């Protein structure tokens, strides 16, 4: 069975709401196992066929936890080539983090779904629908 990881960091709960919508979209394909997680070890990334990251923007940056995760994955030469990937997140001021994650996923040669889903502050229904659609699109890409 193919596996999808929806991993997120959320201080305010806004990106967490988005992550739950992404996971629900991926679960629309009953042939996939979908894990929703707040933390994962770098070695575990290779167990998934799709990795969708929820990242808020703090002071124009992605959370240090995600920076460390991908630095460790790179140092350990974790192979993510051709896995499906994308990003989404909430922001207060500038919102660069989801696009920064997209660029990291590209360096790992993943099949990236663009553009990332971004919403200012609390996600409204339109943003949650876009997140659901992102999860569904990732599931469809896995075939």
N, C-alpha and C. Protein backbone atom coordinates (compact mmCIF):
# COMPACT_ATOMS: atom_id res chain seq x y z
N UNK A 1 0.84 -1.18 0.00
CA UNK A 1 0.00 0.00 0.00
C UNK A 1 0.89 1.25 0.00
N UNK A 2 0.55 2.20 -0.85
CA UNK A 2 1.31 3.44 -0.93
C UNK A 2 0.96 4.32 0.27
N UNK A 3 1.96 5.11 0.69
CA UNK A 3 1.81 5.88 1.92
C UNK A 3 2.05 7.37 1.69
N UNK A 4 1.21 8.16 2.35
CA UNK A 4 1.30 9.62 2.30
C UNK A 4 1.59 10.13 3.71
N UNK A 5 2.55 11.03 3.82
CA UNK A 5 2.84 11.68 5.09
C UNK A 5 2.42 13.14 5.00
N UNK A 6 1.59 13.56 5.93
CA UNK A 6 1.26 14.98 6.09
C UNK A 6 1.91 15.37 7.42
N UNK A 7 2.98 16.12 7.33
CA UNK A 7 3.70 16.55 8.53
C UNK A 7 3.58 18.06 8.63
N UNK A 8 3.43 18.55 9.86
CA UNK A 8 3.20 19.98 10.03
C UNK A 8 3.81 20.48 11.33
N UNK A 9 4.02 21.77 11.38
CA UNK A 9 4.40 22.47 12.59
C UNK A 9 3.37 23.57 12.74
N UNK A 10 2.85 23.74 13.95
CA UNK A 10 1.83 24.77 14.15
C UNK A 10 1.87 25.25 15.59
N UNK A 11 2.10 26.53 15.75
CA UNK A 11 2.09 27.12 17.08
C UNK A 11 0.69 27.62 17.45
N UNK A 12 0.00 28.18 16.49
CA UNK A 12 -1.31 28.79 16.74
C UNK A 12 -2.47 27.85 16.45
N UNK A 13 -2.19 26.75 15.75
CA UNK A 13 -3.25 25.83 15.35
C UNK A 13 -3.75 26.07 13.94
N UNK A 14 -3.34 27.16 13.31
CA UNK A 14 -3.82 27.47 11.96
C UNK A 14 -3.28 26.50 10.92
N UNK A 15 -1.97 26.26 10.95
CA UNK A 15 -1.39 25.31 10.01
C UNK A 15 -1.86 23.89 10.31
N UNK A 16 -2.13 23.60 11.57
CA UNK A 16 -2.67 22.28 11.94
C UNK A 16 -4.04 22.06 11.28
N UNK A 17 -4.88 23.08 11.27
CA UNK A 17 -6.19 22.97 10.59
C UNK A 17 -5.99 22.66 9.11
N UNK A 18 -5.02 23.31 8.52
CA UNK A 18 -4.73 23.08 7.11
C UNK A 18 -4.23 21.65 6.89
N UNK A 19 -3.36 21.18 7.79
CA UNK A 19 -2.81 19.83 7.67
C UNK A 19 -3.92 18.78 7.73
N UNK A 20 -4.87 18.98 8.61
CA UNK A 20 -5.97 18.03 8.74
C UNK A 20 -6.80 17.99 7.44
N UNK A 21 -6.98 19.15 6.81
CA UNK A 21 -7.72 19.19 5.54
C UNK A 21 -6.93 18.50 4.43
N UNK A 22 -5.62 18.69 4.40
CA UNK A 22 -4.77 18.01 3.41
C UNK A 22 -4.87 16.50 3.60
N UNK A 23 -4.77 16.05 4.85
CA UNK A 23 -4.86 14.61 5.14
C UNK A 23 -6.21 14.05 4.71
N UNK A 24 -7.28 14.77 4.96
CA UNK A 24 -8.61 14.30 4.55
C UNK A 24 -8.70 14.18 3.02
N UNK A 25 -8.09 15.12 2.32
CA UNK A 25 -8.08 15.04 0.86
C UNK A 25 -7.33 13.82 0.37
N UNK A 26 -6.20 13.53 0.99
CA UNK A 26 -5.43 12.34 0.60
C UNK A 26 -6.19 11.06 0.93
N UNK A 27 -6.94 11.08 2.03
CA UNK A 27 -7.70 9.90 2.45
C UNK A 27 -8.88 9.62 1.52
N UNK A 28 -9.17 10.53 0.60
CA UNK A 28 -10.25 10.28 -0.35
C UNK A 28 -9.92 9.09 -1.25
N UNK A 29 -8.63 8.75 -1.34
CA UNK A 29 -8.21 7.54 -2.04
C UNK A 29 -8.05 6.44 -0.99
N UNK A 30 -8.97 5.53 -0.96
CA UNK A 30 -9.01 4.48 0.07
C UNK A 30 -7.86 3.48 -0.07
N UNK A 31 -7.12 3.54 -1.18
CA UNK A 31 -6.01 2.62 -1.39
C UNK A 31 -4.69 3.15 -0.83
N UNK A 32 -4.74 4.28 -0.13
CA UNK A 32 -3.55 4.89 0.44
C UNK A 32 -3.61 4.88 1.96
N UNK A 33 -2.47 4.71 2.57
CA UNK A 33 -2.34 4.91 4.01
C UNK A 33 -1.87 6.36 4.21
N UNK A 34 -2.54 7.10 5.07
CA UNK A 34 -2.22 8.50 5.29
C UNK A 34 -1.86 8.70 6.76
N UNK A 35 -0.66 9.22 7.00
CA UNK A 35 -0.22 9.53 8.36
C UNK A 35 -0.16 11.04 8.53
N UNK A 36 -0.75 11.52 9.61
CA UNK A 36 -0.71 12.93 9.98
C UNK A 36 0.19 13.02 11.21
N UNK A 37 1.26 13.80 11.12
CA UNK A 37 2.25 13.80 12.19
C UNK A 37 2.81 15.18 12.46
N UNK A 38 3.24 15.37 13.69
CA UNK A 38 3.88 16.61 14.12
C UNK A 38 5.40 16.47 14.11
N UNK A 39 5.89 15.22 14.10
CA UNK A 39 7.33 14.98 14.14
C UNK A 39 7.65 13.66 13.45
N UNK A 40 8.80 13.62 12.81
CA UNK A 40 9.28 12.40 12.15
C UNK A 40 10.80 12.45 12.12
N UNK A 41 11.41 11.29 12.15
CA UNK A 41 12.87 11.19 12.00
C UNK A 41 13.20 11.19 10.51
N UNK A 42 14.35 11.74 10.16
CA UNK A 42 14.75 11.85 8.76
C UNK A 42 14.73 10.50 8.04
N UNK A 43 15.16 9.45 8.72
CA UNK A 43 15.20 8.12 8.10
C UNK A 43 13.81 7.63 7.69
N UNK A 44 12.80 8.08 8.40
CA UNK A 44 11.42 7.63 8.11
C UNK A 44 10.85 8.23 6.83
N UNK A 45 11.42 9.32 6.35
CA UNK A 45 10.90 9.97 5.15
C UNK A 45 10.89 9.02 3.96
N UNK A 46 11.87 8.14 3.90
CA UNK A 46 11.96 7.23 2.76
C UNK A 46 10.84 6.19 2.76
N UNK A 47 10.09 6.06 3.86
CA UNK A 47 8.98 5.11 3.94
C UNK A 47 7.72 5.60 3.23
N UNK A 48 7.73 6.83 2.77
CA UNK A 48 6.52 7.45 2.19
C UNK A 48 6.69 7.70 0.70
N UNK A 49 5.57 7.61 0.00
CA UNK A 49 5.53 7.89 -1.44
C UNK A 49 5.22 9.35 -1.72
N UNK A 50 4.57 10.01 -0.76
CA UNK A 50 4.27 11.44 -0.86
C UNK A 50 4.51 12.08 0.50
N UNK A 51 5.07 13.29 0.48
CA UNK A 51 5.36 14.02 1.71
C UNK A 51 4.83 15.44 1.51
N UNK A 52 3.85 15.80 2.33
CA UNK A 52 3.20 17.11 2.24
C UNK A 52 3.46 17.84 3.55
N UNK A 53 4.11 18.99 3.48
CA UNK A 53 4.57 19.69 4.67
C UNK A 53 3.79 20.96 4.95
N UNK A 54 3.30 21.06 6.16
CA UNK A 54 2.61 22.25 6.63
C UNK A 54 3.58 23.10 7.43
N UNK A 55 3.90 24.26 6.90
CA UNK A 55 4.90 25.11 7.54
C UNK A 55 4.42 26.54 7.67
N UNK A 56 4.26 27.01 8.89
CA UNK A 56 3.97 28.43 9.07
C UNK A 56 5.24 29.23 8.75
N UNK A 57 5.06 30.52 8.58
CA UNK A 57 6.21 31.40 8.37
C UNK A 57 6.42 32.19 9.66
N UNK A 58 7.61 32.03 10.23
CA UNK A 58 7.99 32.79 11.43
C UNK A 58 9.21 33.63 11.09
N UNK A 59 9.06 34.95 11.17
CA UNK A 59 10.16 35.87 10.89
C UNK A 59 10.80 35.55 9.53
N UNK A 60 9.98 35.36 8.54
CA UNK A 60 10.32 35.07 7.13
C UNK A 60 10.97 33.70 6.93
N UNK A 61 10.97 32.84 7.92
CA UNK A 61 11.68 31.57 7.86
C UNK A 61 10.75 30.37 8.06
N UNK A 62 11.25 29.19 7.64
CA UNK A 62 10.56 27.95 7.97
C UNK A 62 10.98 27.57 9.39
N UNK A 63 10.16 26.80 10.09
CA UNK A 63 10.54 26.39 11.45
C UNK A 63 11.87 25.62 11.45
N UNK A 64 12.65 25.83 12.48
CA UNK A 64 13.97 25.18 12.59
C UNK A 64 13.84 23.66 12.56
N UNK A 65 12.72 23.12 13.04
CA UNK A 65 12.52 21.68 13.03
C UNK A 65 12.55 21.13 11.60
N UNK A 66 11.96 21.85 10.65
CA UNK A 66 11.98 21.40 9.26
C UNK A 66 13.35 21.62 8.63
N UNK A 67 14.00 22.72 8.96
CA UNK A 67 15.37 22.93 8.45
C UNK A 67 16.26 21.77 8.90
N UNK A 68 16.18 21.44 10.18
CA UNK A 68 16.99 20.35 10.71
C UNK A 68 16.64 19.01 10.08
N UNK A 69 15.35 18.76 9.86
CA UNK A 69 14.91 17.51 9.26
C UNK A 69 15.54 17.32 7.88
N UNK A 70 15.49 18.34 7.05
CA UNK A 70 16.02 18.20 5.70
C UNK A 70 17.54 18.27 5.65
N UNK A 71 18.16 18.99 6.57
CA UNK A 71 19.62 18.96 6.64
C UNK A 71 20.08 17.56 7.03
N UNK A 72 19.39 16.93 7.97
CA UNK A 72 19.74 15.57 8.38
C UNK A 72 19.48 14.59 7.24
N UNK A 73 18.36 14.75 6.55
CA UNK A 73 18.06 13.87 5.41
C UNK A 73 19.15 13.98 4.35
N UNK A 74 19.62 15.18 4.11
CA UNK A 74 20.68 15.38 3.13
C UNK A 74 21.99 14.76 3.61
N UNK A 75 22.34 15.00 4.87
CA UNK A 75 23.58 14.46 5.41
C UNK A 75 23.59 12.94 5.40
N UNK A 76 22.43 12.34 5.62
CA UNK A 76 22.32 10.88 5.64
C UNK A 76 22.00 10.31 4.27
N UNK A 77 21.96 11.18 3.27
CA UNK A 77 21.69 10.79 1.89
C UNK A 77 20.39 9.99 1.75
N UNK A 78 19.34 10.49 2.40
CA UNK A 78 18.01 9.88 2.30
C UNK A 78 17.49 10.15 0.89
N UNK A 79 17.12 9.10 0.18
CA UNK A 79 16.66 9.23 -1.21
C UNK A 79 15.17 9.57 -1.25
N UNK A 80 14.86 10.77 -1.72
CA UNK A 80 13.48 11.21 -1.88
C UNK A 80 13.12 11.44 -3.35
N UNK A 81 14.04 11.07 -4.23
CA UNK A 81 13.85 11.29 -5.67
C UNK A 81 12.56 10.65 -6.16
N UNK A 82 11.80 11.43 -6.92
CA UNK A 82 10.54 11.03 -7.55
C UNK A 82 9.38 10.82 -6.58
N UNK A 83 9.56 11.09 -5.30
CA UNK A 83 8.42 11.06 -4.38
C UNK A 83 7.61 12.33 -4.63
N UNK A 84 6.32 12.28 -4.39
CA UNK A 84 5.46 13.45 -4.55
C UNK A 84 5.62 14.34 -3.33
N UNK A 85 5.70 15.63 -3.54
CA UNK A 85 5.85 16.56 -2.42
C UNK A 85 5.17 17.88 -2.68
N UNK A 86 4.81 18.53 -1.59
CA UNK A 86 4.27 19.88 -1.68
C UNK A 86 4.29 20.52 -0.29
N UNK A 87 3.83 21.76 -0.23
CA UNK A 87 3.85 22.51 1.02
C UNK A 87 2.62 23.40 1.12
N UNK A 88 2.32 23.75 2.36
CA UNK A 88 1.19 24.63 2.65
C UNK A 88 1.48 25.29 3.99
N UNK A 89 0.80 26.38 4.28
CA UNK A 89 1.01 26.98 5.59
C UNK A 89 0.31 28.31 5.77
N UNK A 90 0.25 28.67 7.03
CA UNK A 90 -0.36 29.92 7.48
C UNK A 90 0.76 30.92 7.80
N UNK A 91 0.45 32.19 7.68
CA UNK A 91 1.44 33.21 7.99
C UNK A 91 0.74 34.46 8.52
N UNK A 92 1.52 35.31 9.16
CA UNK A 92 0.98 36.57 9.66
C UNK A 92 1.43 37.76 8.85
N UNK A 93 2.70 37.75 8.42
CA UNK A 93 3.24 38.91 7.73
C UNK A 93 3.58 38.64 6.28
N UNK A 94 4.47 37.69 6.05
CA UNK A 94 5.05 37.61 4.71
C UNK A 94 4.82 36.30 3.96
N UNK A 95 4.78 35.19 4.62
CA UNK A 95 4.38 33.93 4.01
C UNK A 95 5.37 33.22 3.11
N UNK A 96 6.68 33.41 3.29
CA UNK A 96 7.67 32.78 2.41
C UNK A 96 7.89 31.30 2.66
N UNK A 97 7.60 30.79 3.84
CA UNK A 97 8.01 29.43 4.22
C UNK A 97 7.52 28.33 3.29
N UNK A 98 6.24 28.29 2.89
CA UNK A 98 5.83 27.20 2.00
C UNK A 98 6.63 27.16 0.68
N UNK A 99 6.92 28.31 0.11
CA UNK A 99 7.71 28.33 -1.13
C UNK A 99 9.15 27.90 -0.85
N UNK A 100 9.68 28.26 0.30
CA UNK A 100 11.04 27.83 0.66
C UNK A 100 11.09 26.30 0.78
N UNK A 101 10.05 25.70 1.34
CA UNK A 101 9.99 24.24 1.44
C UNK A 101 9.91 23.62 0.05
N UNK A 102 9.13 24.21 -0.84
CA UNK A 102 9.04 23.73 -2.23
C UNK A 102 10.43 23.67 -2.85
N UNK A 103 11.22 24.71 -2.64
CA UNK A 103 12.57 24.76 -3.21
C UNK A 103 13.46 23.65 -2.62
N UNK A 104 13.30 23.36 -1.34
CA UNK A 104 14.05 22.27 -0.71
C UNK A 104 13.63 20.93 -1.33
N UNK A 105 12.33 20.72 -1.51
CA UNK A 105 11.85 19.47 -2.10
C UNK A 105 12.40 19.27 -3.51
N UNK A 106 12.51 20.35 -4.25
CA UNK A 106 13.08 20.27 -5.60
C UNK A 106 14.53 19.82 -5.56
N UNK A 107 15.27 20.27 -4.56
CA UNK A 107 16.68 19.86 -4.44
C UNK A 107 16.80 18.37 -4.19
N UNK A 108 15.78 17.78 -3.59
CA UNK A 108 15.75 16.34 -3.37
C UNK A 108 15.19 15.60 -4.60
N UNK A 109 14.92 16.35 -5.67
CA UNK A 109 14.41 15.82 -6.94
C UNK A 109 13.05 15.13 -6.78
N UNK A 110 12.22 15.72 -5.94
CA UNK A 110 10.86 15.21 -5.76
C UNK A 110 9.96 15.74 -6.87
N UNK A 111 8.84 15.08 -7.09
CA UNK A 111 7.81 15.55 -8.02
C UNK A 111 6.96 16.55 -7.23
N UNK A 112 7.18 17.82 -7.46
CA UNK A 112 6.59 18.86 -6.62
C UNK A 112 5.28 19.38 -7.21
N UNK A 113 4.27 19.45 -6.37
CA UNK A 113 2.99 20.05 -6.73
C UNK A 113 3.07 21.52 -6.35
N UNK A 114 2.88 22.37 -7.36
CA UNK A 114 2.93 23.82 -7.13
C UNK A 114 1.64 24.46 -7.60
N UNK A 115 1.34 25.64 -7.12
CA UNK A 115 2.03 26.40 -6.08
C UNK A 115 1.67 25.87 -4.70
N UNK A 116 2.44 26.27 -3.68
CA UNK A 116 2.06 25.89 -2.32
C UNK A 116 0.78 26.61 -1.91
N UNK A 117 0.08 26.05 -0.97
CA UNK A 117 -1.15 26.68 -0.45
C UNK A 117 -0.74 27.57 0.72
N UNK A 118 -1.09 28.84 0.65
CA UNK A 118 -0.76 29.80 1.72
C UNK A 118 -2.03 30.54 2.12
N UNK A 119 -2.14 30.79 3.42
CA UNK A 119 -3.27 31.59 3.88
C UNK A 119 -2.81 32.49 5.02
N UNK A 120 -3.38 33.67 5.06
CA UNK A 120 -3.03 34.62 6.12
C UNK A 120 -3.88 34.35 7.35
N UNK A 121 -3.20 34.11 8.47
CA UNK A 121 -3.82 33.84 9.76
C UNK A 121 -4.69 32.58 9.72
N UNK A 122 -5.93 32.70 10.15
CA UNK A 122 -6.82 31.54 10.27
C UNK A 122 -7.33 31.14 8.88
N UNK A 123 -7.18 29.87 8.50
CA UNK A 123 -7.66 29.46 7.17
C UNK A 123 -9.18 29.52 7.09
N UNK A 124 -9.69 30.18 6.04
CA UNK A 124 -11.13 30.20 5.81
C UNK A 124 -11.52 28.95 5.01
N UNK A 125 -12.79 28.82 4.68
CA UNK A 125 -13.24 27.62 3.98
C UNK A 125 -12.59 27.47 2.62
N UNK A 126 -12.34 28.58 1.94
CA UNK A 126 -11.68 28.52 0.63
C UNK A 126 -10.27 27.92 0.78
N UNK A 127 -9.54 28.34 1.79
CA UNK A 127 -8.19 27.82 2.03
C UNK A 127 -8.25 26.34 2.42
N UNK A 128 -9.20 25.97 3.26
CA UNK A 128 -9.33 24.57 3.66
C UNK A 128 -9.71 23.69 2.47
N UNK A 129 -10.55 24.21 1.59
CA UNK A 129 -10.90 23.47 0.37
C UNK A 129 -9.67 23.28 -0.52
N UNK A 130 -8.84 24.32 -0.61
CA UNK A 130 -7.61 24.22 -1.41
C UNK A 130 -6.67 23.17 -0.79
N UNK A 131 -6.64 23.10 0.53
CA UNK A 131 -5.81 22.10 1.21
C UNK A 131 -6.34 20.70 0.93
N UNK A 132 -7.65 20.52 1.02
CA UNK A 132 -8.26 19.23 0.71
C UNK A 132 -7.89 18.82 -0.72
N UNK A 133 -8.01 19.78 -1.64
CA UNK A 133 -7.68 19.51 -3.04
C UNK A 133 -6.21 19.15 -3.22
N UNK A 134 -5.32 19.77 -2.44
CA UNK A 134 -3.90 19.44 -2.50
C UNK A 134 -3.68 17.98 -2.09
N UNK A 135 -4.31 17.56 -1.00
CA UNK A 135 -4.19 16.17 -0.58
C UNK A 135 -4.73 15.21 -1.62
N UNK A 136 -5.86 15.57 -2.20
CA UNK A 136 -6.47 14.74 -3.24
C UNK A 136 -5.57 14.67 -4.48
N UNK A 137 -4.99 15.79 -4.86
CA UNK A 137 -4.12 15.82 -6.04
C UNK A 137 -2.87 14.96 -5.80
N UNK A 138 -2.31 15.02 -4.60
CA UNK A 138 -1.15 14.19 -4.29
C UNK A 138 -1.53 12.71 -4.38
N UNK A 139 -2.69 12.37 -3.87
CA UNK A 139 -3.16 10.97 -3.94
C UNK A 139 -3.33 10.53 -5.39
N UNK A 140 -3.91 11.40 -6.22
CA UNK A 140 -4.11 11.08 -7.63
C UNK A 140 -2.78 10.92 -8.36
N UNK A 141 -1.80 11.71 -7.98
CA UNK A 141 -0.49 11.65 -8.63
C UNK A 141 0.19 10.30 -8.32
N UNK A 142 -0.16 9.72 -7.18
CA UNK A 142 0.41 8.42 -6.82
C UNK A 142 -0.25 7.29 -7.61
N UNK A 143 -1.41 7.62 -8.19
CA UNK A 143 -2.11 6.68 -9.05
C UNK A 143 -2.70 5.55 -8.30
